[in-house]
């Protein structure tokens, strides 16, 4: 029974390699093009917001510190995973040896896991801030925040080593053009799917409670809008609600990008083959999450949006304007350089 299953899996893997290598000319152009486009946008967007946080330390509140960790993870994904992904799609085959595949699989699993756990930490942070505000200042002090982020990275790095000591293995998956844990055993697959399901449930419950709190807050404002007492508290509360709305949008984008791949992973875990086009689209949507996150945070947070605009202006627009002033494209606009003889200056 095991031998027949193994032969069937080997045959299916050969078919997937064949489909990757024998794509149409349109696919061989469009697939790496869109992957490269995602890479460029992800590097640009995440770098811009990270630079904004660096230049504006006052924006690094506790919620935004979790956001910064998410953006750094997305940037690392764009800089380390996507170049190999683009190359593999362009060449139609894995170009490296098993060691490189193992390293890429390990790093893929680590960064994807850090993204999931960081989004979970962000949802829990907003949940406690909105639903249990009295406990927030006790739980979320900077020492605890550093410990949470360090714990996320440590746990994800540790769990990524599981295939290295026998619990599954990293192998190239032609369906996704990435090295993944597709060769993992049943225990590893089961644990991974259970953890993913728990994460999704936690995120869903937190955001459901946040939405209820937002509606309750809106009703209270409509009832008390003629009163002046406590207006400062209401304003601060409203700002927290607005931040939580932006987090909910990010979580909604996350769900849209990740749930299809989770469903397809579950199907393949039960030996149900998913068409290559659907599988690749699932990977593209996950990678698009790295592009959308900085734009969502930038558009939904007014203070951050203004700071990003200023950073963009200082970093790109001002430098371009200076370059045009010093080296204008039209010769008649270039400043005239007058050669002054030292003898004339002395005689004058």
Protein backbone atom coordinates (compact mmCIF):
# COMPACT_ATOMS: atom_id res chain seq x y z
CA UNK A 1 0.00 0.00 0.00
CA UNK A 2 2.78 2.44 0.95
CA UNK A 3 4.78 1.51 -2.17
CA UNK A 4 1.81 2.11 -4.46
CA UNK A 5 1.13 5.47 -2.78
CA UNK A 6 4.79 6.43 -3.13
CA UNK A 7 4.79 5.49 -6.82
CA UNK A 8 1.62 7.51 -7.34
CA UNK A 9 3.16 10.55 -5.64
CA UNK A 10 6.35 10.22 -7.70
CA UNK A 11 4.31 10.04 -10.89
CA UNK A 12 2.30 13.12 -9.91
CA UNK A 13 5.53 14.98 -9.09
CA UNK A 14 6.96 14.10 -12.51
CA UNK A 15 3.81 15.43 -14.13
CA UNK A 16 4.11 18.69 -12.20
CA UNK A 17 7.75 19.11 -13.27
CA UNK A 18 6.66 18.50 -16.85
CA UNK A 19 3.89 21.12 -16.62
CA UNK A 20 6.33 23.69 -15.22
CA UNK A 21 8.89 23.07 -17.97
CA UNK A 22 6.38 22.83 -20.83
CA UNK A 23 4.44 26.03 -20.20
CA UNK A 24 3.26 28.23 -23.04
CA UNK A 25 5.42 31.16 -24.12
CA UNK A 26 2.83 33.56 -22.67
CA UNK A 27 3.05 31.87 -19.27
CA UNK A 28 6.85 31.91 -19.32
CA UNK A 29 6.72 35.69 -19.82
CA UNK A 30 3.76 36.70 -17.66
CA UNK A 31 4.50 34.57 -14.58
CA UNK A 32 8.02 35.92 -13.90
CA UNK A 33 6.90 39.42 -14.92
CA UNK A 34 4.14 39.57 -12.31
CA UNK A 35 6.42 37.97 -9.72
CA UNK A 36 9.08 40.63 -10.42
CA UNK A 37 6.44 43.36 -10.25
CA UNK A 38 5.31 42.11 -6.83
CA UNK A 39 8.94 42.03 -5.70
CA UNK A 40 9.60 45.65 -6.75
CA UNK A 41 6.38 46.96 -5.20
CA UNK A 42 6.97 45.04 -1.96
CA UNK A 43 10.54 46.35 -1.63
CA UNK A 44 9.46 49.92 -2.39
CA UNK A 45 6.37 50.01 -0.14
CA UNK A 46 7.85 48.28 2.88
CA UNK A 47 11.16 50.18 2.64
CA UNK A 48 9.33 53.51 2.47
CA UNK A 49 7.23 52.84 5.58
CA UNK A 50 10.20 51.39 7.51
CA UNK A 51 12.23 54.50 6.61
CA UNK A 52 9.32 56.65 7.78
CA UNK A 53 9.34 54.93 11.17
CA UNK A 54 13.12 55.40 11.35
CA UNK A 55 12.85 59.14 10.70
CA UNK A 56 9.82 59.63 12.96
CA UNK A 57 10.52 57.86 16.23
CA UNK A 58 7.39 59.40 17.76
CA UNK A 59 5.30 57.16 15.49
CA UNK A 60 6.79 54.02 17.02
CA UNK A 61 4.00 53.34 19.47
CA UNK A 62 3.47 49.83 20.80
CA UNK A 63 0.88 48.89 18.11
CA UNK A 64 3.12 50.33 15.39
CA UNK A 65 6.09 48.37 16.72
CA UNK A 66 4.23 45.18 15.86
CA UNK A 67 3.43 46.70 12.47
CA UNK A 68 7.14 47.45 11.98
CA UNK A 69 7.97 43.80 12.66
CA UNK A 70 5.41 42.78 10.03
CA UNK A 71 6.86 45.21 7.48
CA UNK A 72 10.42 44.01 8.12
CA UNK A 73 9.26 40.43 7.58
CA UNK A 74 7.56 41.41 4.32
CA UNK A 75 10.71 43.22 3.17
CA UNK A 76 12.89 40.20 3.96
CA UNK A 77 10.45 38.04 2.00
CA UNK A 78 10.73 40.34 -1.01
CA UNK A 79 14.53 40.52 -0.85
CA UNK A 80 15.31 36.85 -0.20
CA UNK A 81 12.45 34.66 -1.42
CA UNK A 82 11.14 36.50 -4.45
CA UNK A 83 14.38 36.77 -6.49
CA UNK A 84 14.75 32.97 -6.52
CA UNK A 85 11.01 32.63 -7.18
CA UNK A 86 11.28 34.94 -10.22
CA UNK A 87 14.33 33.07 -11.52
CA UNK A 88 12.63 29.68 -11.13
CA UNK A 89 9.52 30.83 -12.99
CA UNK A 90 11.68 32.33 -15.72
CA UNK A 91 13.81 29.21 -16.25
CA UNK A 92 11.02 26.71 -15.69
CA UNK A 93 12.99 24.53 -13.27
CA UNK A 94 14.89 24.54 -9.99
CA UNK A 95 18.40 25.81 -10.74
CA UNK A 96 20.14 24.94 -7.47
CA UNK A 97 21.08 21.91 -5.39
CA UNK A 98 19.24 20.30 -2.46
CA UNK A 99 21.16 22.34 0.12
CA UNK A 100 19.94 25.63 -1.33
CA UNK A 101 16.43 24.18 -1.50
CA UNK A 102 16.60 23.26 2.18
CA UNK A 103 17.81 26.76 3.09
CA UNK A 104 15.08 28.38 1.02
CA UNK A 105 12.42 26.08 2.45
CA UNK A 106 13.59 26.82 5.99
CA UNK A 107 13.55 30.57 5.36
CA UNK A 108 10.17 30.43 3.57
CA UNK A 109 8.60 28.59 6.49
CA UNK A 110 10.18 31.00 9.00
CA UNK A 111 9.02 34.21 7.31
CA UNK A 112 5.52 32.91 6.57
CA UNK A 113 5.21 31.81 10.20
CA UNK A 114 6.48 35.16 11.54
CA UNK A 115 3.89 36.93 9.38
CA UNK A 116 1.07 34.79 10.76
CA UNK A 117 2.10 35.12 14.39
CA UNK A 118 2.73 38.87 14.07
CA UNK A 119 -0.77 39.40 12.66
CA UNK A 120 -2.08 37.35 15.57
CA UNK A 121 -0.13 39.51 18.04
CA UNK A 122 -1.49 42.67 16.38
CA UNK A 123 -5.07 41.39 16.62
CA UNK A 124 -4.67 40.44 20.29
CA UNK A 125 -3.07 43.83 21.03
CA UNK A 126 -6.00 45.71 19.51
CA UNK A 127 -8.50 43.36 21.15
CA UNK A 128 -7.15 44.05 24.64
CA UNK A 129 -6.79 47.79 23.94
CA UNK A 130 -10.41 48.15 22.82
CA UNK A 131 -12.28 45.50 24.81
CA UNK A 132 -10.21 45.48 28.04
CA UNK A 133 -8.54 48.92 28.17
CA UNK A 134 -7.96 48.75 31.94
CA UNK A 135 -5.58 45.78 31.48
CA UNK A 136 -3.74 47.19 28.48
CA UNK A 137 -1.18 49.36 30.26
CA UNK A 138 -0.35 46.49 32.61
CA UNK A 139 0.25 43.92 29.87
CA UNK A 140 1.73 46.05 27.11
CA UNK A 141 4.85 47.63 28.50
CA UNK A 142 7.91 47.87 26.25
CA UNK A 143 9.75 45.06 28.00
CA UNK A 144 6.86 42.69 27.29
CA UNK A 145 6.57 43.88 23.69
CA UNK A 146 10.25 43.14 23.02
CA UNK A 147 9.78 39.72 24.62
CA UNK A 148 6.72 38.96 22.47
CA UNK A 149 8.48 39.83 19.21
CA UNK A 150 11.64 37.96 20.20
CA UNK A 151 9.48 34.99 21.20
CA UNK A 152 7.74 35.01 17.82
CA UNK A 153 11.04 34.90 15.94
CA UNK A 154 12.52 32.26 18.25
CA UNK A 155 9.47 29.97 18.00
CA UNK A 156 9.23 30.33 14.21
CA UNK A 157 12.94 29.66 13.69
CA UNK A 158 12.74 26.65 16.01
CA UNK A 159 9.65 25.19 14.34
CA UNK A 160 11.28 25.64 10.93
CA UNK A 161 14.04 23.24 11.97
CA UNK A 162 11.55 20.35 12.39
CA UNK A 163 12.11 18.99 8.86
CA UNK A 164 15.87 19.14 9.45
CA UNK A 165 15.77 16.51 12.20
CA UNK A 166 13.39 14.05 10.62
CA UNK A 167 9.89 15.49 11.02
CA UNK A 168 9.26 15.92 7.31
CA UNK A 169 11.59 17.42 4.71
CA UNK A 170 11.98 20.45 2.50
CA UNK A 171 11.60 19.76 -1.22
CA UNK A 172 10.97 21.70 -4.41
CA UNK A 173 7.29 21.92 -5.35
CA UNK A 174 6.84 22.57 -9.10
CA UNK A 175 3.23 23.62 -8.45
CA UNK A 176 4.35 26.62 -6.39
CA UNK A 177 7.89 27.07 -7.79
CA UNK A 178 9.13 27.17 -4.19
CA UNK A 179 10.84 24.81 -1.80
CA UNK A 180 8.24 23.90 0.81
CA UNK A 181 7.39 21.22 3.37
CA UNK A 182 5.43 19.28 0.77
CA UNK A 183 7.47 16.20 1.56
CA UNK A 184 6.59 16.34 5.25
CA UNK A 185 5.11 13.40 7.09
CA UNK A 186 1.55 13.20 8.37
CA UNK A 187 2.40 14.40 11.89
CA UNK A 188 4.10 17.55 10.61
CA UNK A 189 1.25 18.30 8.21
CA UNK A 190 -1.35 17.76 10.93
CA UNK A 191 0.44 20.04 13.42
CA UNK A 192 0.92 22.75 10.78
CA UNK A 193 -2.74 22.73 9.79
CA UNK A 194 -3.95 22.74 13.40
CA UNK A 195 -1.69 25.70 14.25
CA UNK A 196 -2.89 27.57 11.15
CA UNK A 197 -6.52 26.89 12.08
CA UNK A 198 -5.97 28.09 15.66
CA UNK A 199 -4.31 31.28 14.39
CA UNK A 200 -7.23 32.01 12.07
CA UNK A 201 -9.74 31.41 14.87
CA UNK A 202 -7.87 33.74 17.25
CA UNK A 203 -7.68 36.47 14.61
CA UNK A 204 -11.36 36.05 13.72
CA UNK A 205 -12.55 36.13 17.35
CA UNK A 206 -10.42 39.17 18.22
CA UNK A 207 -11.64 41.15 15.23
CA UNK A 208 -15.26 40.12 15.80
CA UNK A 209 -15.07 41.51 19.34
CA UNK A 210 -13.33 44.64 18.05
CA UNK A 211 -16.12 45.23 15.52
CA UNK A 212 -18.70 44.92 18.30
CA UNK A 213 -16.78 47.44 20.40
CA UNK A 214 -16.55 49.83 17.42
CA UNK A 215 -20.31 49.69 16.91
CA UNK A 216 -20.94 50.23 20.61
CA UNK A 217 -18.59 53.21 20.60
CA UNK A 218 -20.34 54.70 17.57
CA UNK A 219 -23.72 54.36 19.30
CA UNK A 220 -22.39 56.04 22.44
CA UNK A 221 -21.08 58.96 20.42
CA UNK A 222 -24.44 59.43 18.69
CA UNK A 223 -26.22 59.44 22.08
CA UNK A 224 -23.76 61.77 23.81
CA UNK A 225 -22.78 64.13 21.01
CA UNK A 226 -24.57 67.04 22.70
CA UNK A 227 -22.57 66.59 25.91
CA UNK A 228 -19.17 68.19 26.48
CA UNK A 229 -17.98 66.15 29.47
CA UNK A 230 -15.39 63.54 28.63
CA UNK A 231 -14.83 64.81 25.09
CA UNK A 232 -11.07 64.30 25.35
CA UNK A 233 -11.56 60.72 26.45
CA UNK A 234 -13.99 60.19 23.59
CA UNK A 235 -11.48 61.68 21.14
CA UNK A 236 -8.70 59.38 22.31
CA UNK A 237 -11.07 56.45 22.28
CA UNK A 238 -12.09 57.37 18.74
CA UNK A 239 -8.44 57.41 17.65
CA UNK A 240 -7.95 53.93 19.09
CA UNK A 241 -11.07 52.75 17.27
CA UNK A 242 -9.74 54.22 14.02
CA UNK A 243 -6.43 52.40 14.43
CA UNK A 244 -8.33 49.20 15.12
CA UNK A 245 -10.32 49.66 11.93
CA UNK A 246 -7.08 49.83 9.95
CA UNK A 247 -5.91 46.63 11.66
CA UNK A 248 -9.21 44.97 10.73
CA UNK A 249 -8.64 45.94 7.10
CA UNK A 250 -5.17 44.40 7.22
CA UNK A 251 -6.63 41.23 8.72
CA UNK A 252 -9.29 41.18 6.00
CA UNK A 253 -6.57 41.45 3.34
CA UNK A 254 -4.67 38.68 5.12
CA UNK A 255 -7.72 36.41 5.08
CA UNK A 256 -8.30 37.06 1.39
CA UNK A 257 -4.65 36.31 0.57
CA UNK A 258 -4.02 33.30 2.83
CA UNK A 259 -7.25 31.29 3.11
CA UNK A 260 -7.18 29.99 -0.51
CA UNK A 261 -3.69 28.56 0.00
CA UNK A 262 -4.71 27.05 3.35
CA UNK A 263 -7.64 25.29 1.64
CA UNK A 264 -5.41 24.02 -1.17
CA UNK A 265 -2.81 22.80 1.34
CA UNK A 266 -5.54 20.88 3.13
CA UNK A 267 -6.69 19.29 -0.12
CA UNK A 268 -3.17 18.24 -1.08
CA UNK A 269 -2.65 16.83 2.42
CA UNK A 270 -5.47 14.40 1.57
CA UNK A 271 -3.87 13.54 -1.80
CA UNK A 272 -6.30 15.70 -3.77
CA UNK A 273 -4.32 17.37 -6.53
CA UNK A 274 -4.94 21.05 -7.16
CA UNK A 275 -4.48 22.51 -10.67
CA UNK A 276 -1.17 24.30 -11.12
CA UNK A 277 -2.82 27.59 -12.10
CA UNK A 278 -4.87 27.67 -8.89
CA UNK A 279 -1.86 26.73 -6.77
CA UNK A 280 0.32 29.41 -8.32
CA UNK A 281 -2.41 32.02 -7.94
CA UNK A 282 -2.55 31.12 -4.26
CA UNK A 283 1.18 31.81 -3.91
CA UNK A 284 0.79 35.10 -5.78
CA UNK A 285 -1.98 36.22 -3.42
CA UNK A 286 0.19 35.41 -0.38
CA UNK A 287 3.05 37.43 -1.86
CA UNK A 288 0.63 40.25 -2.68
CA UNK A 289 -0.06 40.51 1.04
CA UNK A 290 3.50 41.84 1.40
CA UNK A 291 2.66 44.55 -1.15
CA UNK A 292 -0.70 45.53 0.31
CA UNK A 293 0.25 45.76 4.00
CA UNK A 294 2.31 48.99 3.81
CA UNK A 295 -0.28 50.66 1.57
CA UNK A 296 -3.16 49.69 3.88
CA UNK A 297 -1.36 50.98 6.97
CA UNK A 298 -0.35 54.13 5.14
CA UNK A 299 -3.81 54.90 3.79
CA UNK A 300 -5.81 54.16 6.95
CA UNK A 301 -3.57 55.90 9.51
CA UNK A 302 -3.63 59.68 9.03
CA UNK A 303 -0.48 60.46 11.04
CA UNK A 304 1.47 57.72 9.32
CA UNK A 305 0.13 58.75 5.92
CA UNK A 306 1.35 62.33 6.36
CA UNK A 307 4.75 61.12 7.58
CA UNK A 308 5.06 58.72 4.62
CA UNK A 309 4.23 61.55 2.23
CA UNK A 310 6.93 63.73 3.81
CA UNK A 311 9.47 60.89 3.70
CA UNK A 312 8.68 60.24 0.04
CA UNK A 313 9.04 63.94 -0.75
CA UNK A 314 12.37 64.25 1.06
CA UNK A 315 13.79 60.99 -0.28
CA UNK A 316 12.72 61.12 -3.92
CA UNK A 317 11.01 64.35 -5.04
CA UNK A 318 13.47 66.81 -3.47
CA UNK A 319 16.50 64.92 -4.76
CA UNK A 320 15.06 64.78 -8.27
CA UNK A 321 14.36 68.52 -8.17
CA UNK A 322 17.92 69.21 -6.98
CA UNK A 323 19.32 67.05 -9.76
CA UNK A 324 17.25 68.90 -12.35
CA UNK A 325 18.41 72.26 -10.98
CA UNK A 326 22.09 71.33 -11.12
CA UNK A 327 21.87 69.35 -14.36
CA UNK A 328 18.83 70.64 -16.29
CA UNK A 329 17.95 68.80 -19.48
CA UNK A 330 17.67 72.02 -21.52
CA UNK A 331 21.08 73.68 -22.18
CA UNK A 332 19.67 77.22 -22.04
CA UNK A 333 18.57 76.60 -18.41
CA UNK A 334 22.00 75.52 -17.24
CA UNK A 335 23.81 78.08 -15.08
CA UNK A 336 26.54 80.01 -16.89
CA UNK A 337 30.03 79.37 -15.60
CA UNK A 338 32.26 82.45 -15.82
CA UNK A 339 35.97 81.86 -15.92
CA UNK A 340 37.70 84.55 -13.87
CA UNK A 341 41.41 85.00 -14.34
CA UNK A 342 43.42 85.32 -11.12
CA UNK A 343 45.47 88.11 -12.74
CA UNK A 344 42.34 90.15 -13.45
CA UNK A 345 41.12 89.70 -9.90
CA UNK A 346 44.44 90.91 -8.48
CA UNK A 347 44.64 93.85 -10.83
CA UNK A 348 41.08 94.81 -10.02
